[in-house]
Amino acid sequence: MPFEVTEKNASALEPLFKPWEEPVQHRLPNPERGKPAIIAPGRRPSKVPLVRSIRAEVDGWRRGGYAGVSDTSRTLLNYWFSTEHRVPDEDGNLIPFRYHWAQREAIETIIYLYELRRIRTVAELMFEFGDTNIADLALGIPPEEDRWPKDCCKIATGGGKTKVMSLAIVWSYYHSLYEPDSDLARHFVIIAPNLTVFERLKDDFENCAIFYRDPLLPEEWKSDFQMQVVLQDEPGGASTTGAVYLTNIHRLYESRDSRMDEEESESGSIFGPPVRRARALDTGEALRGRITSHPRLMVLNDEAHHLHDPELAWNRAIDALHDQSLSKGSKGICLQLDFTATPKHTNGELFRHIVCDFPLGEAVDAGIVKVPVLGESDELVVQGDKKTPAHQRYGMHLKLGYQTYQRAFEEWGKVRKPILFVMTEDANSANEIAGYLDNDAFPLLKGRVLNIHTRLKGRIKKVMRAGREVKEFVENDTAMKPEDLQVIREWSRELDSRDSKFRCVVSVMMLREGWDVRNVTTIVPLRPYSA
């Protein structure tokens, strides 16, 4: 077969419904290889047993007008999802705004389970919504591991987890403020697993930006929204009606003396250091003291697949927050919300408290995530052996990927900046392939390739381009300084922005861990991967 991108899978790029619409059909793999996917009626069935039962009840509750919950909750839900909203775009023009269906369903589910069904433990959640086998498993959950309500939202990367966090915070805040018998919180802890995720969350939450940028606050209630966002090392949080503490997990158990150790360890890592059990609970007392000074807490964990092994430091650090709050006569954690695209334990088992499911396939069906299908070619084989330079071994893969990217660029480059993502097998391959793509043979990519992995060597240099000073990465044999690595992190977070020059990412790592990159249209996987 000649080397070409075929037209037969072009339909894989077409959304089946709008992102804010309820899913009414879904794609199935075609048993005939190379043929377009089969479009099946109805929503994509969830593989999570609890979700199937919960989803049916929430659907009925929604159709019934949110009966049975407080006036506060009903007012917010109707404002968010039944009111027309317009928000300014990057140029200041007002454009329509609607929350995506996955975001709507997630916050509806959280409210339904907490306020209407009054689920307060994972065991109760499993017993109420699981089959007989799951209900039996619920009996085996140790009480010491199930002391407060926990909900996990399984949302594909790019599906808008941060917006669900903001919806949950606003709901809990107003419910606590307006409902006399409320047991919800006005103080919140958002925990990130590493600096990359922390910086992304900071972009949204710093100075309460997301609460006023998105249509979250009913106009008549805005004056009552007295919220302060406290970034991990900043003072504050005690003098306001409400507070959001945004922190990297390491700050919850780190002392000032060990701060340098973290910074040094991060100089060789894109995402920051691992969560080390040995350092948990012994330090971070000042930050924990401020957080636990409030009557109740809601904890929101981003990229929460790091979390749910009872022996891991992250889990134990949250236990410490609850215990310290109780020791002060407060109520502890009222609700824990976990957000991740991959809610699995290291043994592959799904988290048992998953309450909503927005998988990658549904994100593709909604047009939120673009996953074009590469055409077929008899030449699409690895050339040479391990000693052959990576760009020669995978030359056909890269050319076909670029050809597919060109089509995406022509199709929707005027609306959003498409991104080509190349996932390599190791750092040396990443370096070779990044250099290969950054040349005249690939005109759309020349000068626009970002190589990102944990073994980068070089420095950030300021140069003049078109009469203005810009930062560029210059490769050499010197280990990167922390401040240069921070620039790389910033570039990786800003990929979707039109102000970012990069159109191609070459990396050993996968599109997760804080990379909410929505504009990836073409993926060239040069090593096995899963999502």
Protein backbone atom coordinates (compact mmCIF):
# COMPACT_ATOMS: atom_id res chain seq x y z
CA MET A 1 0.00 0.00 0.00
CA PRO A 2 1.46 3.45 -0.85
CA PHE A 3 2.40 5.81 1.96
CA GLU A 4 -0.59 8.10 2.45
CA VAL A 5 -3.23 9.27 4.86
CA THR A 6 -6.56 7.84 3.76
CA GLU A 7 -9.93 9.58 3.85
CA LYS A 8 -11.90 6.61 5.16
CA ASN A 9 -11.37 7.47 8.83
CA ALA A 10 -11.98 11.21 8.52
CA SER A 11 -15.31 10.73 10.29
CA ALA A 12 -13.37 9.84 13.45
CA LEU A 13 -12.70 13.56 13.80
CA GLU A 14 -16.36 14.60 13.71
CA PRO A 15 -18.12 15.12 17.06
CA LEU A 16 -21.30 13.12 17.60
CA PHE A 17 -22.80 15.78 19.88
CA LYS A 18 -21.92 19.14 21.40
CA PRO A 19 -19.79 19.12 24.58
CA TRP A 20 -22.70 20.53 26.62
CA GLU A 21 -25.29 18.12 25.24
CA GLU A 22 -26.31 14.86 26.88
CA PRO A 23 -24.56 12.00 25.04
CA VAL A 24 -27.10 10.22 22.81
CA GLN A 25 -24.81 8.02 20.70
CA HIS A 26 -21.32 6.61 20.80
CA ARG A 27 -18.67 4.99 18.63
CA LEU A 28 -17.87 1.29 18.62
CA PRO A 29 -14.84 -0.35 16.99
CA ASN A 30 -15.58 -1.76 13.55
CA PRO A 31 -14.82 -5.50 13.42
CA GLU A 32 -13.55 -4.95 9.87
CA ARG A 33 -10.04 -3.59 10.18
CA GLY A 34 -9.57 -0.13 8.73
CA LYS A 35 -13.28 0.60 8.37
CA PRO A 36 -14.92 3.61 10.05
CA ALA A 37 -16.22 3.19 13.58
CA ILE A 38 -19.81 2.06 14.08
CA ILE A 39 -22.13 4.76 15.47
CA ALA A 40 -24.38 3.14 18.08
CA PRO A 41 -27.47 4.76 19.67
CA GLY A 42 -27.50 5.67 23.33
CA ARG A 43 -24.80 6.75 25.72
CA ARG A 44 -21.52 4.89 26.01
CA PRO A 45 -22.04 2.39 28.88
CA SER A 46 -19.76 2.91 31.86
CA LYS A 47 -17.50 0.06 32.89
CA VAL A 48 -17.78 1.19 36.53
CA PRO A 49 -20.62 -0.72 38.26
CA LEU A 50 -21.53 1.99 40.78
CA VAL A 51 -21.66 4.64 38.08
CA ARG A 52 -24.35 2.81 36.13
CA SER A 53 -26.71 2.81 39.12
CA ILE A 54 -25.86 6.33 40.27
CA ARG A 55 -26.20 7.77 36.77
CA ALA A 56 -29.74 6.40 36.39
CA GLU A 57 -30.87 7.99 39.66
CA VAL A 58 -29.22 11.34 38.90
CA ASP A 59 -30.82 11.40 35.43
CA GLY A 60 -34.27 10.97 37.00
CA TRP A 61 -33.55 13.59 39.65
CA ARG A 62 -32.47 16.07 36.99
CA ARG A 63 -35.61 15.48 34.94
CA GLY A 64 -37.68 16.05 38.09
CA GLY A 65 -36.25 19.54 38.58
CA TYR A 66 -33.79 18.69 41.38
CA ALA A 67 -36.52 17.92 43.89
CA GLY A 68 -35.65 17.23 47.51
CA VAL A 69 -32.58 19.43 47.94
CA SER A 70 -32.16 22.84 49.54
CA ASP A 71 -33.21 26.08 47.87
CA THR A 72 -29.53 27.02 47.77
CA SER A 73 -28.52 23.95 45.77
CA ARG A 74 -31.48 24.18 43.40
CA THR A 75 -30.86 27.88 42.75
CA LEU A 76 -27.23 27.23 41.91
CA LEU A 77 -27.96 24.28 39.63
CA ASN A 78 -30.60 26.23 37.71
CA TYR A 79 -28.32 29.25 37.46
CA TRP A 80 -25.38 27.22 36.17
CA PHE A 81 -27.22 25.00 33.70
CA SER A 82 -30.56 26.61 32.81
CA THR A 83 -29.48 30.24 32.42
CA GLU A 84 -27.86 31.73 29.33
CA HIS A 85 -24.33 32.97 30.01
CA ARG A 86 -21.92 35.13 28.02
CA VAL A 87 -18.27 35.61 28.96
CA PRO A 88 -15.44 37.63 27.37
CA ASP A 89 -13.02 35.81 25.07
CA GLU A 90 -9.30 36.59 24.73
CA ASP A 91 -10.13 39.68 22.67
CA GLY A 92 -12.77 40.95 25.09
CA ASN A 93 -15.74 39.97 22.91
CA LEU A 94 -18.70 38.39 24.71
CA ILE A 95 -19.33 34.80 23.62
CA PRO A 96 -21.84 32.16 24.80
CA PHE A 97 -20.69 29.92 27.66
CA ARG A 98 -22.06 26.53 28.66
CA TYR A 99 -20.65 24.01 31.08
CA HIS A 100 -19.84 20.67 29.47
CA TRP A 101 -22.15 17.75 30.17
CA ALA A 102 -19.41 15.91 32.07
CA GLN A 103 -18.91 18.91 34.36
CA ARG A 104 -22.64 19.27 34.91
CA GLU A 105 -23.14 15.59 35.63
CA ALA A 106 -20.21 15.53 38.06
CA ILE A 107 -21.47 18.36 40.29
CA GLU A 108 -25.06 17.09 40.07
CA THR A 109 -23.85 13.68 41.24
CA ILE A 110 -21.84 15.16 44.11
CA ILE A 111 -24.84 17.19 45.31
CA TYR A 112 -27.28 14.30 44.86
CA LEU A 113 -25.20 11.85 46.87
CA TYR A 114 -24.33 14.27 49.66
CA GLU A 115 -27.50 16.26 50.14
CA LEU A 116 -30.36 14.07 48.92
CA ARG A 117 -29.08 10.55 49.57
CA ARG A 118 -26.88 11.65 52.51
CA ILE A 119 -24.11 9.17 51.72
CA ARG A 120 -21.38 9.63 54.32
CA THR A 121 -19.01 6.66 53.86
CA VAL A 122 -17.60 4.66 50.97
CA ALA A 123 -19.10 1.51 52.48
CA GLU A 124 -22.54 3.11 52.41
CA LEU A 125 -21.98 4.23 48.81
CA MET A 126 -21.11 0.68 47.75
CA PHE A 127 -23.98 -0.85 49.69
CA GLU A 128 -26.58 1.55 48.28
CA PHE A 129 -25.53 1.45 44.62
CA GLY A 130 -23.67 -1.82 44.15
CA ASP A 131 -24.89 -5.32 43.41
CA THR A 132 -24.76 -8.12 45.97
CA ASN A 133 -21.06 -8.79 45.41
CA ILE A 134 -20.15 -5.12 45.82
CA ALA A 135 -22.35 -4.81 48.89
CA ASP A 136 -20.49 -7.76 50.42
CA LEU A 137 -17.17 -6.03 49.70
CA ALA A 138 -18.45 -2.94 51.51
CA LEU A 139 -18.66 -4.95 54.72
CA GLY A 140 -14.90 -5.51 54.57
CA ILE A 141 -13.88 -1.83 54.55
CA PRO A 142 -12.13 -1.06 57.86
CA PRO A 143 -13.91 1.81 59.68
CA GLU A 144 -10.58 3.59 60.26
CA GLU A 145 -10.19 3.92 56.46
CA ASP A 146 -13.73 5.23 55.96
CA ARG A 147 -14.22 8.16 58.32
CA TRP A 148 -15.64 10.81 55.97
CA PRO A 149 -17.46 10.94 52.59
CA LYS A 150 -15.35 10.41 49.47
CA ASP A 151 -16.38 10.78 45.82
CA CYS A 152 -14.11 10.15 42.84
CA CYS A 153 -14.83 11.84 39.52
CA LYS A 154 -13.29 9.97 36.59
CA ILE A 155 -12.85 12.66 33.95
CA ALA A 156 -10.66 12.33 30.86
CA THR A 157 -7.70 14.67 30.51
CA GLY A 158 -9.02 17.87 28.94
CA GLY A 159 -12.52 17.23 30.28
CA GLY A 160 -12.48 20.17 32.69
CA LYS A 161 -11.79 18.81 36.17
CA THR A 162 -10.86 22.28 37.43
CA LYS A 163 -14.29 23.66 36.58
CA VAL A 164 -15.93 20.88 38.58
CA MET A 165 -13.72 21.83 41.54
CA SER A 166 -14.86 25.44 41.29
CA LEU A 167 -18.52 24.38 41.10
CA ALA A 168 -18.12 22.19 44.19
CA ILE A 169 -16.43 24.98 46.14
CA VAL A 170 -19.14 27.53 45.31
CA TRP A 171 -21.91 25.05 46.17
CA SER A 172 -20.38 24.11 49.53
CA TYR A 173 -19.64 27.74 50.42
CA TYR A 174 -23.14 29.05 49.76
CA HIS A 175 -24.80 25.98 51.29
CA SER A 176 -22.79 26.49 54.48
CA LEU A 177 -23.58 30.21 54.46
CA TYR A 178 -27.31 30.07 53.70
CA GLU A 179 -28.59 26.75 55.07
CA PRO A 180 -28.99 26.74 58.89
CA ASP A 181 -28.41 23.00 59.28
CA SER A 182 -25.60 22.72 56.73
CA ASP A 183 -22.66 20.46 57.52
CA LEU A 184 -20.65 21.61 54.50
CA ALA A 185 -17.53 23.79 54.49
CA ARG A 186 -16.48 27.32 53.64
CA HIS A 187 -12.81 26.38 53.76
CA PHE A 188 -11.14 24.19 51.18
CA VAL A 189 -7.84 22.46 50.47
CA ILE A 190 -6.89 21.76 46.86
CA ILE A 191 -3.95 19.36 46.75
CA ALA A 192 -1.69 18.90 43.71
CA PRO A 193 0.75 15.99 43.34
CA ASN A 194 3.59 18.07 41.88
CA LEU A 195 4.62 21.52 40.75
CA THR A 196 3.30 21.18 37.20
CA VAL A 197 -0.23 20.53 38.42
CA PHE A 198 0.13 23.16 41.15
CA GLU A 199 1.11 25.84 38.63
CA ARG A 200 -1.82 24.93 36.35
CA LEU A 201 -4.26 25.17 39.25
CA LYS A 202 -2.63 28.42 40.34
CA ASP A 203 -3.37 29.93 36.92
CA ASP A 204 -7.08 29.29 37.53
CA PHE A 205 -7.48 29.94 41.25
CA GLU A 206 -4.96 32.66 42.12
CA ASN A 207 -6.75 35.86 43.18
CA CYS A 208 -10.06 33.96 42.86
CA ALA A 209 -9.80 34.33 39.08
CA ILE A 210 -11.94 31.34 38.11
CA PHE A 211 -14.81 32.38 40.39
CA TYR A 212 -15.29 35.65 38.51
CA ARG A 213 -14.17 34.55 35.04
CA ASP A 214 -16.73 31.73 34.83
CA PRO A 215 -20.47 32.26 35.52
CA LEU A 216 -20.31 30.66 38.95
CA LEU A 217 -21.85 33.29 41.23
CA PRO A 218 -25.48 34.42 40.89
CA GLU A 219 -25.51 38.20 40.63
CA GLU A 220 -27.61 38.70 43.75
CA TRP A 221 -25.24 36.49 45.77
CA LYS A 222 -21.89 37.91 44.65
CA SER A 223 -21.50 40.31 47.56
CA ASP A 224 -21.74 37.38 49.98
CA PHE A 225 -18.88 35.49 48.33
CA GLN A 226 -16.02 36.46 50.62
CA MET A 227 -13.25 34.10 49.51
CA GLN A 228 -9.48 34.21 49.73
CA VAL A 229 -7.16 31.90 47.81
CA VAL A 230 -4.01 31.11 49.79
CA LEU A 231 -1.06 29.70 47.85
CA GLN A 232 0.91 27.15 49.87
CA ASP A 233 3.65 29.44 51.28
CA GLU A 234 1.57 32.59 51.64
CA PRO A 235 0.03 33.85 54.88
CA GLY A 236 -3.71 34.29 55.09
CA GLY A 237 -6.93 32.36 55.32
CA ALA A 238 -7.91 33.22 58.88
CA SER A 239 -9.63 36.59 58.45
CA THR A 240 -12.06 35.82 55.63
CA THR A 241 -15.43 34.10 55.60
CA GLY A 242 -14.01 31.49 53.22
CA ALA A 243 -10.59 30.32 52.08
CA VAL A 244 -9.13 28.01 49.45
CA TYR A 245 -5.70 26.65 50.31
CA LEU A 246 -3.89 25.56 47.16
CA THR A 247 -0.86 23.44 47.91
CA ASN A 248 1.55 20.91 46.53
CA ILE A 249 1.21 17.73 48.62
CA HIS A 250 4.84 17.99 49.70
CA ARG A 251 4.17 21.24 51.56
CA LEU A 252 1.75 19.43 53.87
CA TYR A 253 4.56 17.45 55.42
CA GLU A 254 7.66 19.47 54.66
CA SER A 255 9.75 21.64 56.95
CA ARG A 256 11.53 24.80 55.93
CA ASP A 257 14.85 23.01 56.37
CA SER A 258 13.87 20.35 53.86
CA ARG A 259 12.63 22.90 51.28
CA MET A 260 16.05 22.99 49.63
CA ASP A 261 16.02 19.19 49.30
CA GLU A 262 12.79 19.41 47.31
CA GLU A 263 14.11 22.16 45.07
CA GLU A 264 17.30 20.24 44.40
CA SER A 265 15.43 17.04 43.62
CA GLU A 266 13.13 18.91 41.27
CA SER A 267 16.04 20.28 39.25
CA GLY A 268 16.18 16.92 37.50
CA SER A 269 12.45 16.36 37.18
CA ILE A 270 9.74 17.92 35.07
CA PHE A 271 6.95 17.10 37.50
CA GLY A 272 8.74 17.30 40.85
CA PRO A 273 9.71 14.73 43.47
CA PRO A 274 7.77 11.62 44.37
CA VAL A 275 5.66 11.46 47.52
CA ARG A 276 8.02 9.95 50.09
CA ARG A 277 6.39 8.16 52.98
CA ALA A 278 9.41 8.60 55.24
CA ARG A 279 8.97 12.38 55.40
CA ALA A 280 5.21 12.39 55.84
CA LEU A 281 3.56 13.73 59.00
CA ASP A 282 6.81 14.84 60.66
CA THR A 283 6.85 18.35 59.20
CA GLY A 284 4.56 20.89 57.54
CA GLU A 285 3.06 21.72 60.93
CA ALA A 286 2.57 25.42 60.24
CA LEU A 287 0.58 24.87 57.06
CA ARG A 288 -1.50 22.10 58.62
CA GLY A 289 -2.13 24.31 61.62
CA ARG A 290 -3.60 27.09 59.48
CA ILE A 291 -5.71 24.70 57.42
CA THR A 292 -7.16 22.92 60.45
CA SER A 293 -8.04 26.14 62.29
CA HIS A 294 -11.43 26.24 60.52
CA PRO A 295 -14.71 24.56 61.58
CA ARG A 296 -14.94 22.19 58.60
CA LEU A 297 -12.84 21.32 55.56
CA MET A 298 -13.48 20.07 52.06
CA VAL A 299 -10.47 18.38 50.44
CA LEU A 300 -10.11 18.29 46.65
CA ASN A 301 -7.34 16.12 45.20
CA ASP A 302 -6.19 16.69 41.62
CA GLU A 303 -4.56 13.85 39.66
CA ALA A 304 -5.76 11.65 42.51
CA HIS A 305 -4.53 8.36 41.06
CA HIS A 306 -1.48 9.01 43.28
CA LEU A 307 -3.59 8.84 46.39
CA HIS A 308 -5.45 5.73 47.38
CA ASP A 309 -3.00 3.32 48.86
CA PRO A 310 -3.35 3.54 52.66
CA GLU A 311 0.42 3.25 52.95
CA LEU A 312 1.22 6.23 50.75
CA ALA A 313 2.23 9.55 52.29
CA TRP A 314 -0.50 11.54 50.52
CA ASN A 315 -3.28 9.46 52.05
CA ARG A 316 -1.73 9.69 55.49
CA ALA A 317 -1.26 13.45 55.21
CA ILE A 318 -5.01 13.85 54.63
CA ASP A 319 -5.67 11.61 57.64
CA ALA A 320 -3.49 13.98 59.65
CA LEU A 321 -5.57 17.00 58.57
CA HIS A 322 -8.75 15.28 59.74
CA ASP A 323 -7.26 14.17 63.07
CA GLN A 324 -5.74 17.57 63.79
CA SER A 325 -9.04 19.29 63.05
CA LEU A 326 -10.90 16.97 65.42
CA SER A 327 -8.29 17.51 68.12
CA LYS A 328 -9.10 21.24 68.02
CA GLY A 329 -12.80 20.60 68.53
CA SER A 330 -13.64 21.15 64.85
CA LYS A 331 -15.58 18.80 62.58
CA GLY A 332 -12.76 17.60 60.35
CA ILE A 333 -13.23 16.77 56.68
CA CYS A 334 -16.85 17.01 55.54
CA LEU A 335 -16.20 15.74 52.00
CA GLN A 336 -13.25 14.57 49.93
CA LEU A 337 -13.40 14.88 46.14
CA ASP A 338 -10.86 13.05 44.01
CA PHE A 339 -10.32 13.94 40.34
CA THR A 340 -8.38 11.83 37.87
CA ALA A 341 -8.61 10.35 34.40
CA THR A 342 -7.12 7.07 35.63
CA PRO A 343 -8.60 6.11 39.03
CA LYS A 344 -6.70 2.86 39.47
CA HIS A 345 -4.57 1.33 42.17
CA THR A 346 -1.10 0.07 41.29
CA ASN A 347 -2.57 -3.44 40.92
CA GLY A 348 -4.96 -2.20 38.22
CA GLU A 349 -8.11 -2.26 40.34
CA LEU A 350 -10.46 0.71 40.01
CA PHE A 351 -11.06 2.96 42.99
CA ARG A 352 -14.20 1.78 44.76
CA HIS A 353 -15.65 5.29 45.23
CA ILE A 354 -15.94 6.34 41.55
CA VAL A 355 -19.31 8.10 41.19
CA CYS A 356 -19.14 9.57 37.68
CA ASP A 357 -17.35 8.50 34.52
CA PHE A 358 -16.33 10.63 31.54
CA PRO A 359 -13.91 8.38 29.61
CA LEU A 360 -11.63 9.36 26.76
CA GLY A 361 -13.96 7.80 24.19
CA GLU A 362 -16.83 10.02 25.28
CA ALA A 363 -14.54 13.06 25.21
CA VAL A 364 -13.71 12.21 21.60
CA ASP A 365 -17.40 11.70 20.76
CA ALA A 366 -18.13 15.17 22.20
CA GLY A 367 -15.32 16.79 20.23
CA ILE A 368 -13.53 17.86 23.41
CA VAL A 369 -10.50 15.70 22.61
CA LYS A 370 -9.32 15.25 19.04
CA VAL A 371 -7.92 11.80 18.23
CA PRO A 372 -7.40 11.45 14.47
CA VAL A 373 -6.77 7.98 13.09
CA LEU A 374 -3.53 7.53 11.16
CA GLY A 375 -3.79 6.06 7.69
CA GLU A 376 -2.40 2.66 6.85
CA SER A 377 0.88 1.98 5.05
CA ASP A 378 2.90 -1.11 4.30
CA GLU A 379 5.98 1.00 5.01
CA LEU A 380 4.88 1.79 8.59
CA VAL A 381 7.47 -0.47 10.18
CA VAL A 382 10.52 0.17 12.34
CA GLN A 383 13.69 0.43 10.26
CA GLY A 384 17.04 -0.87 11.51
CA ASP A 385 17.84 -1.84 15.11
CA LYS A 386 18.49 -0.15 18.46
CA LYS A 387 21.77 1.28 17.17
CA THR A 388 20.00 3.06 14.34
CA PRO A 389 19.19 6.71 15.16
CA ALA A 390 15.60 7.07 16.35
CA HIS A 391 14.55 9.44 13.57
CA GLN A 392 15.64 6.83 11.01
CA ARG A 393 14.02 3.90 12.81
CA TYR A 394 10.71 5.74 13.01
CA GLY A 395 11.04 7.85 9.89
CA MET A 396 7.80 6.63 8.32
CA HIS A 397 5.86 7.04 11.56
CA LEU A 398 7.04 10.63 11.87
CA LYS A 399 6.31 11.50 8.25
CA LEU A 400 2.84 9.99 8.44
CA GLY A 401 2.22 11.78 11.74
CA TYR A 402 3.31 15.07 10.19
CA GLN A 403 1.11 14.48 7.15
CA THR A 404 -1.86 13.86 9.43
CA TYR A 405 -0.98 16.97 11.46
CA GLN A 406 -0.94 19.04 8.26
CA ARG A 407 -4.52 17.97 7.59
CA ALA A 408 -5.57 18.94 11.10
CA PHE A 409 -3.79 22.28 10.76
CA GLU A 410 -5.64 23.02 7.53
CA GLU A 411 -8.97 21.85 8.96
CA TRP A 412 -9.14 23.86 12.16
CA GLY A 413 -5.90 25.83 12.58
CA LYS A 414 -7.78 29.12 12.20
CA VAL A 415 -9.98 28.31 15.19
CA ARG A 416 -7.56 26.61 17.59
CA LYS A 417 -3.87 25.83 17.42
CA PRO A 418 -3.45 22.08 16.75
CA ILE A 419 -0.60 20.26 18.47
CA LEU A 420 1.39 17.21 17.39
CA PHE A 421 2.46 14.95 20.27
CA VAL A 422 5.29 12.43 19.79
CA MET A 423 5.76 9.94 22.63
CA THR A 424 9.22 8.37 22.51
CA GLU A 425 10.80 5.34 24.16
CA ASP A 426 13.62 7.13 25.99
CA ALA A 427 15.31 10.50 26.47
CA ASN A 428 17.97 9.93 23.80
CA SER A 429 15.28 9.13 21.24
CA ALA A 430 13.39 12.26 22.28
CA ASN A 431 16.46 14.40 21.69
CA GLU A 432 17.12 12.87 18.26
CA ILE A 433 13.51 13.13 17.10
CA ALA A 434 13.07 16.69 18.37
CA GLY A 435 16.12 17.76 16.38
CA TYR A 436 14.89 15.90 13.30
CA LEU A 437 11.45 17.55 13.33
CA ASP A 438 12.85 21.02 13.98
CA ASN A 439 14.08 21.66 10.43
CA ASP A 440 13.04 22.80 6.95
CA ALA A 441 11.65 19.38 5.99
CA PHE A 442 8.76 20.04 8.40
CA PRO A 443 7.94 23.73 7.81
CA LEU A 444 4.97 23.86 10.20
CA LEU A 445 7.22 22.68 13.04
CA LYS A 446 10.53 24.45 12.46
CA GLY A 447 11.36 26.48 15.55
CA ARG A 448 8.17 25.21 17.22
CA VAL A 449 9.22 21.87 18.77
CA LEU A 450 9.23 21.49 22.56
CA ASN A 451 11.34 18.60 23.87
CA ILE A 452 10.43 17.80 27.46
CA HIS A 453 11.74 15.00 29.68
CA THR A 454 13.56 14.54 32.97
CA ARG A 455 17.08 14.29 31.51
CA LEU A 456 17.21 17.52 29.56
CA LYS A 457 20.58 19.23 29.50
CA GLY A 458 21.06 22.82 28.48
CA ARG A 459 19.98 26.31 29.43
CA ILE A 460 17.40 28.96 28.63
CA LYS A 461 18.90 31.80 26.63
CA LYS A 462 17.38 35.18 25.83
CA VAL A 463 17.67 36.12 22.15
CA MET A 464 16.23 38.81 19.88
CA ARG A 465 13.66 37.62 17.35
CA ALA A 466 11.75 40.03 15.09
CA GLY A 467 12.77 42.96 17.25
CA ARG A 468 11.74 41.48 20.58
CA GLU A 469 13.43 39.46 23.29
CA VAL A 470 12.34 35.84 23.58
CA LYS A 471 13.50 32.81 25.54
CA GLU A 472 14.91 29.78 23.75
CA PHE A 473 16.28 26.45 24.94
CA VAL A 474 19.90 25.83 23.99
CA GLU A 475 21.07 22.23 24.34
CA ASN A 476 24.49 21.52 25.87
CA ASP A 477 26.11 19.02 28.25
CA THR A 478 25.31 20.99 31.42
CA ALA A 479 22.56 19.95 33.83
CA MET A 480 19.65 22.39 33.81
CA LYS A 481 19.31 24.96 36.56
CA PRO A 482 16.02 25.02 38.53
CA GLU A 483 15.07 28.42 37.11
CA ASP A 484 15.56 27.15 33.55
CA LEU A 485 13.52 24.04 34.29
CA GLN A 486 10.74 26.32 35.55
CA VAL A 487 10.64 28.00 32.13
CA ILE A 488 10.22 24.58 30.49
CA ARG A 489 7.35 23.85 32.89
CA GLU A 490 5.69 27.14 31.97
CA TRP A 491 6.02 26.36 28.27
CA SER A 492 4.40 22.95 28.79
CA ARG A 493 1.44 24.50 30.65
CA GLU A 494 0.85 27.15 27.99
CA LEU A 495 0.81 24.88 24.94
CA ASP A 496 -2.86 25.55 24.11
CA SER A 497 -2.41 29.31 24.19
CA ARG A 498 -2.11 31.17 20.90
CA ASP A 499 0.75 33.07 22.50
CA SER A 500 2.76 29.84 22.72
CA LYS A 501 4.94 29.28 19.67
CA PHE A 502 5.08 25.50 20.09
CA ARG A 503 3.13 23.21 17.78
CA CYS A 504 4.90 19.93 18.55
CA VAL A 505 5.76 18.20 21.83
CA VAL A 506 8.32 15.39 21.95
CA SER A 507 8.40 13.57 25.27
CA VAL A 508 9.01 10.27 27.03
CA MET A 509 6.03 11.07 29.25
CA MET A 510 2.34 10.66 28.57
CA LEU A 511 -0.36 13.32 28.29
CA ARG A 512 -1.37 13.38 31.93
CA GLU A 513 -0.04 14.63 35.28
CA GLY A 514 -1.39 18.12 34.82
CA TRP A 515 -1.07 18.34 31.07
CA ASP A 516 -4.62 19.46 30.35
CA VAL A 517 -3.62 20.01 26.71
CA ARG A 518 -6.86 20.09 24.75
CA ASN A 519 -5.43 20.96 21.34
CA VAL A 520 -3.51 17.74 20.68
CA THR A 521 -4.85 16.55 17.31
CA THR A 522 -2.21 14.02 16.33
CA ILE A 523 -0.38 11.50 18.49
CA VAL A 524 2.61 9.50 17.24
CA PRO A 525 3.20 6.76 19.84
CA LEU A 526 6.70 5.29 19.49
CA ARG A 527 6.38 3.19 22.63
CA PRO A 528 3.51 1.25 24.26
CA TYR A 529 1.06 3.40 26.19
CA SER A 530 -2.26 3.26 27.97
CA ALA A 531 -4.75 5.94 29.04
